[in-house]
Amino acid sequence: MHYFIKPQDTPRIYLPAYGLWLVTAVLSVLTFLAGREMIIRTYTRFFPWEAWQFASGQGSLSLVNILVSLPMASIMIIIIIGGFEYQHRYMGKPEAWWLLARTLAVELGFLMLALYI
């Protein structure tokens, strides 16, 4: 007979793992917003007339916004869904904690980069 919850799994393992996954999910949304703003801000520094044309309803800044948003939204979805699946599959194992640590480090690094650019 197979058990859905293994006897050695306790709330001491589940709560920190899913709690940190939730933090990475929230940070992925913030990273998406900050990254999109950072890329569009850099684009308008190189092409300032695009911002002026966008204000009048012309130009290609909306296309740049879409081209930036789609891949970043895909990455955000991968982080949220893939992170949950990985946590669920490797609950309490060192691989799962390493993935969480790396994800948090990359997201926090990206948010700090957005502060300085």
PDB file of N, CA and C in Angstrom:
ATOM      1  N   MET A   1       0.840  -1.170   0.000  1.00  0.00           N
ATOM      2  CA  MET A   1       0.000   0.000   0.000  1.00  0.00           C
ATOM      3  C   MET A   1       0.891   1.239   0.000  1.00  0.00           C
ATOM      4  N   HIS A   2       0.579   2.178  -0.866  1.00  0.00           N
ATOM      5  CA  HIS A   2       1.347   3.419  -0.967  1.00  0.00           C
ATOM      6  C   HIS A   2       0.675   4.506  -0.137  1.00  0.00           C
ATOM      7  N   TYR A   3       1.503   5.281   0.510  1.00  0.00           N
ATOM      8  CA  TYR A   3       0.995   6.393   1.297  1.00  0.00           C
ATOM      9  C   TYR A   3       1.244   7.676   0.536  1.00  0.00           C
ATOM     10  N   PHE A   4       0.292   8.593   0.616  1.00  0.00           N
ATOM     11  CA  PHE A   4       0.483   9.886  -0.028  1.00  0.00           C
ATOM     12  C   PHE A   4       1.472  10.732   0.762  1.00  0.00           C
ATOM     13  N   ILE A   5       1.411  10.656   2.060  1.00  0.00           N
ATOM     14  CA  ILE A   5       2.343  11.375   2.922  1.00  0.00           C
ATOM     15  C   ILE A   5       3.207  10.340   3.618  1.00  0.00           C
ATOM     16  N   LYS A   6       4.492  10.464   3.426  1.00  0.00           N
ATOM     17  CA  LYS A   6       5.396   9.508   4.054  1.00  0.00           C
ATOM     18  C   LYS A   6       5.435   9.760   5.560  1.00  0.00           C
ATOM     19  N   PRO A   7       5.611   8.733   6.367  1.00  0.00           N
ATOM     20  CA  PRO A   7       5.581   8.908   7.815  1.00  0.00           C
ATOM     21  C   PRO A   7       6.682   9.837   8.333  1.00  0.00           C
ATOM     22  N   GLN A   8       7.831   9.931   7.646  1.00  0.00           N
ATOM     23  CA  GLN A   8       8.908  10.767   8.164  1.00  0.00           C
ATOM     24  C   GLN A   8       8.681  12.255   7.870  1.00  0.00           C
ATOM     25  N   ASP A   9       7.744  12.598   6.989  1.00  0.00           N
ATOM     26  CA  ASP A   9       7.473  13.996   6.694  1.00  0.00           C
ATOM     27  C   ASP A   9       6.652  14.621   7.814  1.00  0.00           C
ATOM     28  N   THR A  10       7.124  15.734   8.302  1.00  0.00           N
ATOM     29  CA  THR A  10       6.453  16.423   9.394  1.00  0.00           C
ATOM     30  C   THR A  10       6.212  17.870   8.981  1.00  0.00           C
ATOM     31  N   PRO A  11       5.388  18.567   9.733  1.00  0.00           N
ATOM     32  CA  PRO A  11       5.187  19.997   9.432  1.00  0.00           C
ATOM     33  C   PRO A  11       6.473  20.820   9.552  1.00  0.00           C
ATOM     34  N   ARG A  12       7.464  20.322  10.274  1.00  0.00           N
ATOM     35  CA  ARG A  12       8.741  21.031  10.355  1.00  0.00           C
ATOM     36  C   ARG A  12       9.434  21.109   9.002  1.00  0.00           C
ATOM     37  N   ILE A  13       9.139  20.169   8.138  1.00  0.00           N
ATOM     38  CA  ILE A  13       9.710  20.186   6.793  1.00  0.00           C
ATOM     39  C   ILE A  13       8.810  20.970   5.846  1.00  0.00           C
ATOM     40  N   TYR A  14       7.503  20.771   5.939  1.00  0.00           N
ATOM     41  CA  TYR A  14       6.579  21.391   5.005  1.00  0.00           C
ATOM     42  C   TYR A  14       6.496  22.905   5.162  1.00  0.00           C
ATOM     43  N   LEU A  15       6.376  23.395   6.371  1.00  0.00           N
ATOM     44  CA  LEU A  15       6.170  24.820   6.579  1.00  0.00           C
ATOM     45  C   LEU A  15       7.315  25.686   6.056  1.00  0.00           C
ATOM     46  N   PRO A  16       8.582  25.399   6.391  1.00  0.00           N
ATOM     47  CA  PRO A  16       9.644  26.251   5.828  1.00  0.00           C
ATOM     48  C   PRO A  16       9.785  26.115   4.308  1.00  0.00           C
ATOM     49  N   ALA A  17       9.605  24.909   3.791  1.00  0.00           N
ATOM     50  CA  ALA A  17       9.773  24.706   2.348  1.00  0.00           C
ATOM     51  C   ALA A  17       8.699  25.453   1.563  1.00  0.00           C
ATOM     52  N   TYR A  18       7.456  25.270   1.927  1.00  0.00           N
ATOM     53  CA  TYR A  18       6.386  25.960   1.205  1.00  0.00           C
ATOM     54  C   TYR A  18       6.374  27.453   1.520  1.00  0.00           C
ATOM     55  N   GLY A  19       6.787  27.823   2.721  1.00  0.00           N
ATOM     56  CA  GLY A  19       6.891  29.244   3.057  1.00  0.00           C
ATOM     57  C   GLY A  19       7.937  29.942   2.206  1.00  0.00           C
ATOM     58  N   LEU A  20       9.101  29.319   2.061  1.00  0.00           N
ATOM     59  CA  LEU A  20      10.140  29.913   1.210  1.00  0.00           C
ATOM     60  C   LEU A  20       9.736  29.893  -0.261  1.00  0.00           C
ATOM     61  N   TRP A  21       9.009  28.860  -0.671  1.00  0.00           N
ATOM     62  CA  TRP A  21       8.522  28.844  -2.048  1.00  0.00           C
ATOM     63  C   TRP A  21       7.567  30.010  -2.275  1.00  0.00           C
ATOM     64  N   LEU A  22       6.707  30.292  -1.294  1.00  0.00           N
ATOM     65  CA  LEU A  22       5.788  31.414  -1.419  1.00  0.00           C
ATOM     66  C   LEU A  22       6.549  32.733  -1.505  1.00  0.00           C
ATOM     67  N   VAL A  23       7.623  32.858  -0.751  1.00  0.00           N
ATOM     68  CA  VAL A  23       8.457  34.064  -0.826  1.00  0.00           C
ATOM     69  C   VAL A  23       9.063  34.194  -2.223  1.00  0.00           C
ATOM     70  N   THR A  24       9.548  33.087  -2.797  1.00  0.00           N
ATOM     71  CA  THR A  24      10.109  33.156  -4.149  1.00  0.00           C
ATOM     72  C   THR A  24       9.031  33.493  -5.175  1.00  0.00           C
ATOM     73  N   ALA A  25       7.812  33.020  -4.950  1.00  0.00           N
ATOM     74  CA  ALA A  25       6.722  33.341  -5.879  1.00  0.00           C
ATOM     75  C   ALA A  25       6.399  34.827  -5.842  1.00  0.00           C
ATOM     76  N   VAL A  26       6.334  35.403  -4.656  1.00  0.00           N
ATOM     77  CA  VAL A  26       6.060  36.837  -4.532  1.00  0.00           C
ATOM     78  C   VAL A  26       7.219  37.648  -5.101  1.00  0.00           C
ATOM     79  N   LEU A  27       8.442  37.232  -4.803  1.00  0.00           N
ATOM     80  CA  LEU A  27       9.606  37.941  -5.329  1.00  0.00           C
ATOM     81  C   LEU A  27       9.698  37.835  -6.846  1.00  0.00           C
ATOM     82  N   SER A  28       9.199  36.754  -7.428  1.00  0.00           N
ATOM     83  CA  SER A  28       9.242  36.630  -8.889  1.00  0.00           C
ATOM     84  C   SER A  28       8.328  37.670  -9.540  1.00  0.00           C
ATOM     85  N   VAL A  29       7.205  37.980  -8.916  1.00  0.00           N
ATOM     86  CA  VAL A  29       6.323  39.023  -9.442  1.00  0.00           C
ATOM     87  C   VAL A  29       7.017  40.383  -9.334  1.00  0.00           C
ATOM     88  N   LEU A  30       7.626  40.651  -8.190  1.00  0.00           N
ATOM     89  CA  LEU A  30       8.352  41.915  -8.023  1.00  0.00           C
ATOM     90  C   LEU A  30       9.541  42.007  -8.964  1.00  0.00           C
ATOM     91  N   THR A  31      10.215  40.895  -9.190  1.00  0.00           N
ATOM     92  CA  THR A  31      11.344  40.872 -10.121  1.00  0.00           C
ATOM     93  C   THR A  31      10.868  41.125 -11.547  1.00  0.00           C
ATOM     94  N   PHE A  32       9.714  40.587 -11.895  1.00  0.00           N
ATOM     95  CA  PHE A  32       9.139  40.841 -13.216  1.00  0.00           C
ATOM     96  C   PHE A  32       8.893  42.328 -13.410  1.00  0.00           C
ATOM     97  N   LEU A  33       8.254  42.950 -12.439  1.00  0.00           N
ATOM     98  CA  LEU A  33       7.938  44.376 -12.558  1.00  0.00           C
ATOM     99  C   LEU A  33       9.202  45.232 -12.593  1.00  0.00           C
ATOM    100  N   ALA A  34      10.150  44.937 -11.720  1.00  0.00           N
ATOM    101  CA  ALA A  34      11.387  45.708 -11.676  1.00  0.00           C
ATOM    102  C   ALA A  34      12.225  45.481 -12.932  1.00  0.00           C
ATOM    103  N   GLY A  35      12.293  44.253 -13.414  1.00  0.00           N
ATOM    104  CA  GLY A  35      13.068  43.956 -14.610  1.00  0.00           C
ATOM    105  C   GLY A  35      12.490  44.608 -15.845  1.00  0.00           C
ATOM    106  N   ARG A  36      11.175  44.574 -15.969  1.00  0.00           N
ATOM    107  CA  ARG A  36      10.531  45.222 -17.113  1.00  0.00           C
ATOM    108  C   ARG A  36      10.774  46.723 -17.091  1.00  0.00           C
ATOM    109  N   GLU A  37      10.636  47.310 -15.924  1.00  0.00           N
ATOM    110  CA  GLU A  37      10.888  48.748 -15.800  1.00  0.00           C
ATOM    111  C   GLU A  37      12.346  49.082 -16.107  1.00  0.00           C
ATOM    112  N   MET A  38      13.259  48.243 -15.642  1.00  0.00           N
ATOM    113  CA  MET A  38      14.684  48.481 -15.864  1.00  0.00           C
ATOM    114  C   MET A  38      15.019  48.409 -17.355  1.00  0.00           C
ATOM    115  N   ILE A  39      14.485  47.432 -18.052  1.00  0.00           N
ATOM    116  CA  ILE A  39      14.777  47.278 -19.473  1.00  0.00           C
ATOM    117  C   ILE A  39      14.160  48.415 -20.285  1.00  0.00           C
ATOM    118  N   ILE A  40      12.923  48.781 -19.981  1.00  0.00           N
ATOM    119  CA  ILE A  40      12.275  49.862 -20.716  1.00  0.00           C
ATOM    120  C   ILE A  40      12.955  51.200 -20.407  1.00  0.00           C
ATOM    121  N   ARG A  41      13.357  51.405 -19.167  1.00  0.00           N
ATOM    122  CA  ARG A  41      14.072  52.629 -18.810  1.00  0.00           C
ATOM    123  C   ARG A  41      15.396  52.726 -19.572  1.00  0.00           C
ATOM    124  N   THR A  42      16.116  51.623 -19.683  1.00  0.00           N
ATOM    125  CA  THR A  42      17.371  51.611 -20.430  1.00  0.00           C
ATOM    126  C   THR A  42      17.113  51.857 -21.916  1.00  0.00           C
ATOM    127  N   TYR A  43      16.041  51.272 -22.434  1.00  0.00           N
ATOM    128  CA  TYR A  43      15.692  51.486 -23.839  1.00  0.00           C
ATOM    129  C   TYR A  43      15.402  52.961 -24.097  1.00  0.00           C
ATOM    130  N   THR A  44      14.651  53.604 -23.210  1.00  0.00           N
ATOM    131  CA  THR A  44      14.327  55.014 -23.425  1.00  0.00           C
ATOM    132  C   THR A  44      15.539  55.920 -23.213  1.00  0.00           C
ATOM    133  N   ARG A  45      16.550  55.460 -22.501  1.00  0.00           N
ATOM    134  CA  ARG A  45      17.784  56.246 -22.407  1.00  0.00           C
ATOM    135  C   ARG A  45      18.511  56.272 -23.739  1.00  0.00           C
ATOM    136  N   PHE A  46      18.477  55.158 -24.475  1.00  0.00           N
ATOM    137  CA  PHE A  46      19.136  55.104 -25.772  1.00  0.00           C
ATOM    138  C   PHE A  46      18.288  55.740 -26.877  1.00  0.00           C
ATOM    139  N   PHE A  47      16.964  55.647 -26.739  1.00  0.00           N
ATOM    140  CA  PHE A  47      16.049  56.190 -27.746  1.00  0.00           C
ATOM    141  C   PHE A  47      15.018  57.086 -27.055  1.00  0.00           C
ATOM    142  N   PRO A  48      15.412  58.297 -26.634  1.00  0.00           N
ATOM    143  CA  PRO A  48      14.476  59.144 -25.884  1.00  0.00           C
ATOM    144  C   PRO A  48      13.283  59.620 -26.709  1.00  0.00           C
ATOM    145  N   TRP A  49      13.436  59.714 -28.026  1.00  0.00           N
ATOM    146  CA  TRP A  49      12.322  60.160 -28.847  1.00  0.00           C
ATOM    147  C   TRP A  49      11.176  59.155 -28.842  1.00  0.00           C
ATOM    148  N   GLU A  50      11.463  57.891 -28.533  1.00  0.00           N
ATOM    149  CA  GLU A  50      10.400  56.896 -28.436  1.00  0.00           C
ATOM    150  C   GLU A  50       9.442  57.223 -27.288  1.00  0.00           C
ATOM    151  N   ALA A  51       9.975  57.705 -26.177  1.00  0.00           N
ATOM    152  CA  ALA A  51       9.120  58.084 -25.046  1.00  0.00           C
ATOM    153  C   ALA A  51       8.252  59.271 -25.411  1.00  0.00           C
ATOM    154  N   TRP A  52       8.792  60.214 -26.166  1.00  0.00           N
ATOM    155  CA  TRP A  52       8.000  61.379 -26.583  1.00  0.00           C
ATOM    156  C   TRP A  52       6.904  60.958 -27.554  1.00  0.00           C
ATOM    157  N   GLN A  53       7.240  60.052 -28.467  1.00  0.00           N
ATOM    158  CA  GLN A  53       6.229  59.577 -29.411  1.00  0.00           C
ATOM    159  C   GLN A  53       5.172  58.732 -28.706  1.00  0.00           C
ATOM    160  N   PHE A  54       5.574  57.981 -27.697  1.00  0.00           N
ATOM    161  CA  PHE A  54       4.616  57.160 -26.951  1.00  0.00           C
ATOM    162  C   PHE A  54       3.606  58.032 -26.229  1.00  0.00           C
ATOM    163  N   ALA A  55       4.062  59.176 -25.736  1.00  0.00           N
ATOM    164  CA  ALA A  55       3.155  60.093 -25.039  1.00  0.00           C
ATOM    165  C   ALA A  55       2.070  60.609 -25.982  1.00  0.00           C
ATOM    166  N   SER A  56       2.372  60.686 -27.274  1.00  0.00           N
ATOM    167  CA  SER A  56       1.378  61.150 -28.237  1.00  0.00           C
ATOM    168  C   SER A  56       0.651  59.994 -28.935  1.00  0.00           C
ATOM    169  N   GLY A  57       0.904  58.762 -28.499  1.00  0.00           N
ATOM    170  CA  GLY A  57       0.189  57.605 -29.051  1.00  0.00           C
ATOM    171  C   GLY A  57       0.856  56.987 -30.253  1.00  0.00           C
ATOM    172  N   GLN A  58       2.127  57.298 -30.473  1.00  0.00           N
ATOM    173  CA  GLN A  58       2.849  56.747 -31.614  1.00  0.00           C
ATOM    174  C   GLN A  58       4.096  56.045 -31.104  1.00  0.00           C
ATOM    175  N   GLY A  59       4.890  55.571 -32.041  1.00  0.00           N
ATOM    176  CA  GLY A  59       6.161  54.966 -31.661  1.00  0.00           C
ATOM    177  C   GLY A  59       6.044  53.478 -31.381  1.00  0.00           C
ATOM    178  N   SER A  60       7.180  52.890 -31.013  1.00  0.00           N
ATOM    179  CA  SER A  60       7.232  51.438 -30.829  1.00  0.00           C
ATOM    180  C   SER A  60       7.489  51.031 -29.380  1.00  0.00           C
ATOM    181  N   LEU A  61       7.303  51.933 -28.438  1.00  0.00           N
ATOM    182  CA  LEU A  61       7.559  51.594 -27.036  1.00  0.00           C
ATOM    183  C   LEU A  61       6.581  50.537 -26.521  1.00  0.00           C
ATOM    184  N   SER A  62       5.336  50.548 -27.037  1.00  0.00           N
ATOM    185  CA  SER A  62       4.410  49.498 -26.606  1.00  0.00           C
ATOM    186  C   SER A  62       4.846  48.133 -27.110  1.00  0.00           C
ATOM    187  N   LEU A  63       5.420  48.074 -28.306  1.00  0.00           N
ATOM    188  CA  LEU A  63       5.930  46.813 -28.819  1.00  0.00           C
ATOM    189  C   LEU A  63       7.103  46.321 -27.976  1.00  0.00           C
ATOM    190  N   VAL A  64       7.967  47.233 -27.580  1.00  0.00           N
ATOM    191  CA  VAL A  64       9.092  46.865 -26.716  1.00  0.00           C
ATOM    192  C   VAL A  64       8.567  46.343 -25.386  1.00  0.00           C
ATOM    193  N   ASN A  65       7.539  46.972 -24.854  1.00  0.00           N
ATOM    194  CA  ASN A  65       6.935  46.520 -23.603  1.00  0.00           C
ATOM    195  C   ASN A  65       6.410  45.096 -23.740  1.00  0.00           C
ATOM    196  N   ILE A  66       5.752  44.803 -24.850  1.00  0.00           N
ATOM    197  CA  ILE A  66       5.221  43.459 -25.072  1.00  0.00           C
ATOM    198  C   ILE A  66       6.348  42.455 -25.254  1.00  0.00           C
ATOM    199  N   LEU A  67       7.361  42.822 -26.046  1.00  0.00           N
ATOM    200  CA  LEU A  67       8.477  41.907 -26.300  1.00  0.00           C
ATOM    201  C   LEU A  67       9.296  41.633 -25.047  1.00  0.00           C
ATOM    202  N   VAL A  68       9.281  42.553 -24.105  1.00  0.00           N
ATOM    203  CA  VAL A  68       9.981  42.343 -22.832  1.00  0.00           C
ATOM    204  C   VAL A  68       9.097  41.562 -21.865  1.00  0.00           C
ATOM    205  N   SER A  69       7.813  41.879 -21.853  1.00  0.00           N
ATOM    206  CA  SER A  69       6.897  41.282 -20.873  1.00  0.00           C
ATOM    207  C   SER A  69       6.643  39.794 -21.112  1.00  0.00           C
ATOM    208  N   LEU A  70       6.525  39.375 -22.350  1.00  0.00           N
ATOM    209  CA  LEU A  70       6.202  37.974 -22.620  1.00  0.00           C
ATOM    210  C   LEU A  70       7.267  36.997 -22.124  1.00  0.00           C
ATOM    211  N   PRO A  71       8.553  37.187 -22.454  1.00  0.00           N
ATOM    212  CA  PRO A  71       9.537  36.237 -21.923  1.00  0.00           C
ATOM    213  C   PRO A  71       9.687  36.319 -20.407  1.00  0.00           C
ATOM    214  N   MET A  72       9.589  37.534 -19.876  1.00  0.00           N
ATOM    215  CA  MET A  72       9.737  37.657 -18.421  1.00  0.00           C
ATOM    216  C   MET A  72       8.548  37.045 -17.693  1.00  0.00           C
ATOM    217  N   ALA A  73       7.355  37.162 -18.259  1.00  0.00           N
ATOM    218  CA  ALA A  73       6.187  36.517 -17.646  1.00  0.00           C
ATOM    219  C   ALA A  73       6.319  35.004 -17.715  1.00  0.00           C
ATOM    220  N   SER A  74       6.886  34.500 -18.803  1.00  0.00           N
ATOM    221  CA  SER A  74       7.105  33.057 -18.906  1.00  0.00           C
ATOM    222  C   SER A  74       8.089  32.576 -17.843  1.00  0.00           C
ATOM    223  N   ILE A  75       9.141  33.336 -17.638  1.00  0.00           N
ATOM    224  CA  ILE A  75      10.112  32.980 -16.590  1.00  0.00           C
ATOM    225  C   ILE A  75       9.455  33.018 -15.213  1.00  0.00           C
ATOM    226  N   MET A  76       8.597  34.013 -14.989  1.00  0.00           N
ATOM    227  CA  MET A  76       7.903  34.116 -13.712  1.00  0.00           C
ATOM    228  C   MET A  76       7.005  32.894 -13.489  1.00  0.00           C
ATOM    229  N   ILE A  77       6.298  32.472 -14.508  1.00  0.00           N
ATOM    230  CA  ILE A  77       5.427  31.293 -14.396  1.00  0.00           C
ATOM    231  C   ILE A  77       6.256  30.038 -14.152  1.00  0.00           C
ATOM    232  N   ILE A  78       7.394  29.935 -14.830  1.00  0.00           N
ATOM    233  CA  ILE A  78       8.275  28.785 -14.616  1.00  0.00           C
ATOM    234  C   ILE A  78       8.776  28.745 -13.182  1.00  0.00           C
ATOM    235  N   ILE A  79       9.138  29.904 -12.641  1.00  0.00           N
ATOM    236  CA  ILE A  79       9.624  29.952 -11.261  1.00  0.00           C
ATOM    237  C   ILE A  79       8.522  29.529 -10.292  1.00  0.00           C
ATOM    238  N   ILE A  80       7.319  30.023 -10.504  1.00  0.00           N
ATOM    239  CA  ILE A  80       6.226  29.729  -9.572  1.00  0.00           C
ATOM    240  C   ILE A  80       5.795  28.262  -9.674  1.00  0.00           C
ATOM    241  N   ILE A  81       5.438  27.819 -10.861  1.00  0.00           N
ATOM    242  CA  ILE A  81       4.923  26.449 -11.005  1.00  0.00           C
ATOM    243  C   ILE A  81       6.043  25.425 -10.875  1.00  0.00           C
ATOM    244  N   GLY A  82       7.161  25.669 -11.556  1.00  0.00           N
ATOM    245  CA  GLY A  82       8.279  24.733 -11.486  1.00  0.00           C
ATOM    246  C   GLY A  82       8.863  24.626 -10.090  1.00  0.00           C
ATOM    247  N   GLY A  83       8.936  25.758  -9.406  1.00  0.00           N
ATOM    248  CA  GLY A  83       9.443  25.736  -8.028  1.00  0.00           C
ATOM    249  C   GLY A  83       8.552  24.938  -7.100  1.00  0.00           C
ATOM    250  N   PHE A  84       7.237  25.075  -7.264  1.00  0.00           N
ATOM    251  CA  PHE A  84       6.315  24.313  -6.429  1.00  0.00           C
ATOM    252  C   PHE A  84       6.435  22.824  -6.706  1.00  0.00           C
ATOM    253  N   GLU A  85       6.482  22.464  -7.985  1.00  0.00           N
ATOM    254  CA  GLU A  85       6.596  21.047  -8.332  1.00  0.00           C
ATOM    255  C   GLU A  85       7.904  20.459  -7.817  1.00  0.00           C
ATOM    256  N   TYR A  86       8.984  21.203  -7.952  1.00  0.00           N
ATOM    257  CA  TYR A  86      10.280  20.711  -7.479  1.00  0.00           C
ATOM    258  C   TYR A  86      10.271  20.562  -5.959  1.00  0.00           C
ATOM    259  N   GLN A  87       9.681  21.530  -5.256  1.00  0.00           N
ATOM    260  CA  GLN A  87       9.588  21.433  -3.802  1.00  0.00           C
ATOM    261  C   GLN A  87       8.735  20.245  -3.391  1.00  0.00           C
ATOM    262  N   HIS A  88       7.655  20.043  -4.096  1.00  0.00           N
ATOM    263  CA  HIS A  88       6.766  18.934  -3.754  1.00  0.00           C
ATOM    264  C   HIS A  88       7.448  17.589  -3.993  1.00  0.00           C
ATOM    265  N   ARG A  89       8.211  17.494  -5.063  1.00  0.00           N
ATOM    266  CA  ARG A  89       8.864  16.233  -5.403  1.00  0.00           C
ATOM    267  C   ARG A  89      10.048  15.927  -4.485  1.00  0.00           C
ATOM    268  N   TYR A  90      10.851  16.921  -4.176  1.00  0.00           N
ATOM    269  CA  TYR A  90      12.074  16.704  -3.399  1.00  0.00           C
ATOM    270  C   TYR A  90      11.972  17.328  -2.006  1.00  0.00           C
ATOM    271  N   MET A  91      10.850  17.192  -1.374  1.00  0.00           N
ATOM    272  CA  MET A  91      10.594  17.805  -0.075  1.00  0.00           C
ATOM    273  C   MET A  91      11.602  17.346   0.972  1.00  0.00           C
ATOM    274  N   GLY A  92      12.280  18.301   1.580  1.00  0.00           N
ATOM    275  CA  GLY A  92      13.195  18.006   2.671  1.00  0.00           C
ATOM    276  C   GLY A  92      14.569  17.525   2.251  1.00  0.00           C
ATOM    277  N   LYS A  93      14.811  17.404   0.966  1.00  0.00           N
ATOM    278  CA  LYS A  93      16.123  16.953   0.485  1.00  0.00           C
ATOM    279  C   LYS A  93      17.011  18.166   0.225  1.00  0.00           C
ATOM    280  N   PRO A  94      18.319  17.966   0.256  1.00  0.00           N
ATOM    281  CA  PRO A  94      19.224  19.099   0.033  1.00  0.00           C
ATOM    282  C   PRO A  94      19.060  19.774  -1.329  1.00  0.00           C
ATOM    283  N   GLU A  95      18.680  19.009  -2.358  1.00  0.00           N
ATOM    284  CA  GLU A  95      18.505  19.602  -3.683  1.00  0.00           C
ATOM    285  C   GLU A  95      17.423  20.680  -3.670  1.00  0.00           C
ATOM    286  N   ALA A  96      16.357  20.424  -2.934  1.00  0.00           N
ATOM    287  CA  ALA A  96      15.263  21.386  -2.876  1.00  0.00           C
ATOM    288  C   ALA A  96      15.690  22.662  -2.167  1.00  0.00           C
ATOM    289  N   TRP A  97      16.466  22.527  -1.103  1.00  0.00           N
ATOM    290  CA  TRP A  97      16.931  23.719  -0.383  1.00  0.00           C
ATOM    291  C   TRP A  97      17.920  24.512  -1.234  1.00  0.00           C
ATOM    292  N   TRP A  98      18.758  23.809  -2.000  1.00  0.00           N
ATOM    293  CA  TRP A  98      19.695  24.502  -2.887  1.00  0.00           C
ATOM    294  C   TRP A  98      18.954  25.272  -3.971  1.00  0.00           C
ATOM    295  N   LEU A  99      17.900  24.682  -4.525  1.00  0.00           N
ATOM    296  CA  LEU A  99      17.128  25.375  -5.549  1.00  0.00           C
ATOM    297  C   LEU A  99      16.479  26.624  -4.967  1.00  0.00           C
ATOM    298  N   LEU A 100      15.915  26.516  -3.770  1.00  0.00           N
ATOM    299  CA  LEU A 100      15.327  27.685  -3.136  1.00  0.00           C
ATOM    300  C   LEU A 100      16.370  28.764  -2.873  1.00  0.00           C
ATOM    301  N   ALA A 101      17.534  28.367  -2.396  1.00  0.00           N
ATOM    302  CA  ALA A 101      18.591  29.336  -2.112  1.00  0.00           C
ATOM    303  C   ALA A 101      19.054  30.037  -3.388  1.00  0.00           C
ATOM    304  N   ARG A 102      19.228  29.289  -4.452  1.00  0.00           N
ATOM    305  CA  ARG A 102      19.651  29.887  -5.719  1.00  0.00           C
ATOM    306  C   ARG A 102      18.585  30.819  -6.280  1.00  0.00           C
ATOM    307  N   THR A 103      17.338  30.391  -6.208  1.00  0.00           N
ATOM    308  CA  THR A 103      16.244  31.217  -6.718  1.00  0.00           C
ATOM    309  C   THR A 103      16.155  32.516  -5.941  1.00  0.00           C
ATOM    310  N   LEU A 104      16.235  32.429  -4.620  1.00  0.00           N
ATOM    311  CA  LEU A 104      16.196  33.650  -3.806  1.00  0.00           C
ATOM    312  C   LEU A 104      17.382  34.550  -4.097  1.00  0.00           C
ATOM    313  N   ALA A 105      18.566  33.973  -4.274  1.00  0.00           N
ATOM    314  CA  ALA A 105      19.762  34.779  -4.549  1.00  0.00           C
ATOM    315  C   ALA A 105      19.635  35.507  -5.885  1.00  0.00           C
ATOM    316  N   VAL A 106      19.156  34.819  -6.909  1.00  0.00           N
ATOM    317  CA  VAL A 106      19.012  35.448  -8.225  1.00  0.00           C
ATOM    318  C   VAL A 106      17.945  36.541  -8.182  1.00  0.00           C
ATOM    319  N   GLU A 107      16.827  36.266  -7.535  1.00  0.00           N
ATOM    320  CA  GLU A 107      15.762  37.266  -7.472  1.00  0.00           C
ATOM    321  C   GLU A 107      16.187  38.488  -6.674  1.00  0.00           C
ATOM    322  N   LEU A 108      16.804  38.283  -5.531  1.00  0.00           N
ATOM    323  CA  LEU A 108      17.259  39.426  -4.741  1.00  0.00           C
ATOM    324  C   LEU A 108      18.366  40.200  -5.453  1.00  0.00           C
ATOM    325  N   GLY A 109      19.253  39.480  -6.138  1.00  0.00           N
ATOM    326  CA  GLY A 109      20.289  40.153  -6.918  1.00  0.00           C
ATOM    327  C   GLY A 109      19.702  40.984  -8.044  1.00  0.00           C
ATOM    328  N   PHE A 110      18.694  40.458  -8.700  1.00  0.00           N
ATOM    329  CA  PHE A 110      18.044  41.191  -9.780  1.00  0.00           C
ATOM    330  C   PHE A 110      17.331  42.428  -9.245  1.00  0.00           C
ATOM    331  N   LEU A 111      16.677  42.299  -8.079  1.00  0.00           N
ATOM    332  CA  LEU A 111      16.001  43.457  -7.482  1.00  0.00           C
ATOM    333  C   LEU A 111      17.022  44.524  -7.055  1.00  0.00           C
ATOM    334  N   MET A 112      18.157  44.099  -6.539  1.00  0.00           N
ATOM    335  CA  MET A 112      19.182  45.068  -6.166  1.00  0.00           C
ATOM    336  C   MET A 112      19.779  45.734  -7.406  1.00  0.00           C
ATOM    337  N   LEU A 113      19.936  44.976  -8.486  1.00  0.00           N
ATOM    338  CA  LEU A 113      20.426  45.544  -9.728  1.00  0.00           C
ATOM    339  C   LEU A 113      19.454  46.597 -10.253  1.00  0.00           C
ATOM    340  N   ALA A 114      18.164  46.324 -10.130  1.00  0.00           N
ATOM    341  CA  ALA A 114      17.158  47.283 -10.595  1.00  0.00           C
ATOM    342  C   ALA A 114      17.190  48.578  -9.795  1.00  0.00           C
ATOM    343  N   LEU A 115      17.640  48.516  -8.545  1.00  0.00           N
ATOM    344  CA  LEU A 115      17.759  49.732  -7.744  1.00  0.00           C
ATOM    345  C   LEU A 115      18.877  50.639  -8.251  1.00  0.00           C
ATOM    346  N   TYR A 116      19.901  50.056  -8.807  1.00  0.00           N
ATOM    347  CA  TYR A 116      21.076  50.834  -9.188  1.00  0.00           C
ATOM    348  C   TYR A 116      21.113  51.182 -10.671  1.00  0.00           C
ATOM    349  N   ILE A 117      20.268  50.597 -11.469  1.00  0.00           N
ATOM    350  CA  ILE A 117      20.256  50.929 -12.903  1.00  0.00           C
ATOM    351  C   ILE A 117      19.076  51.826 -13.198  1.00  0.00           C
TER     352      ILE A 117
END
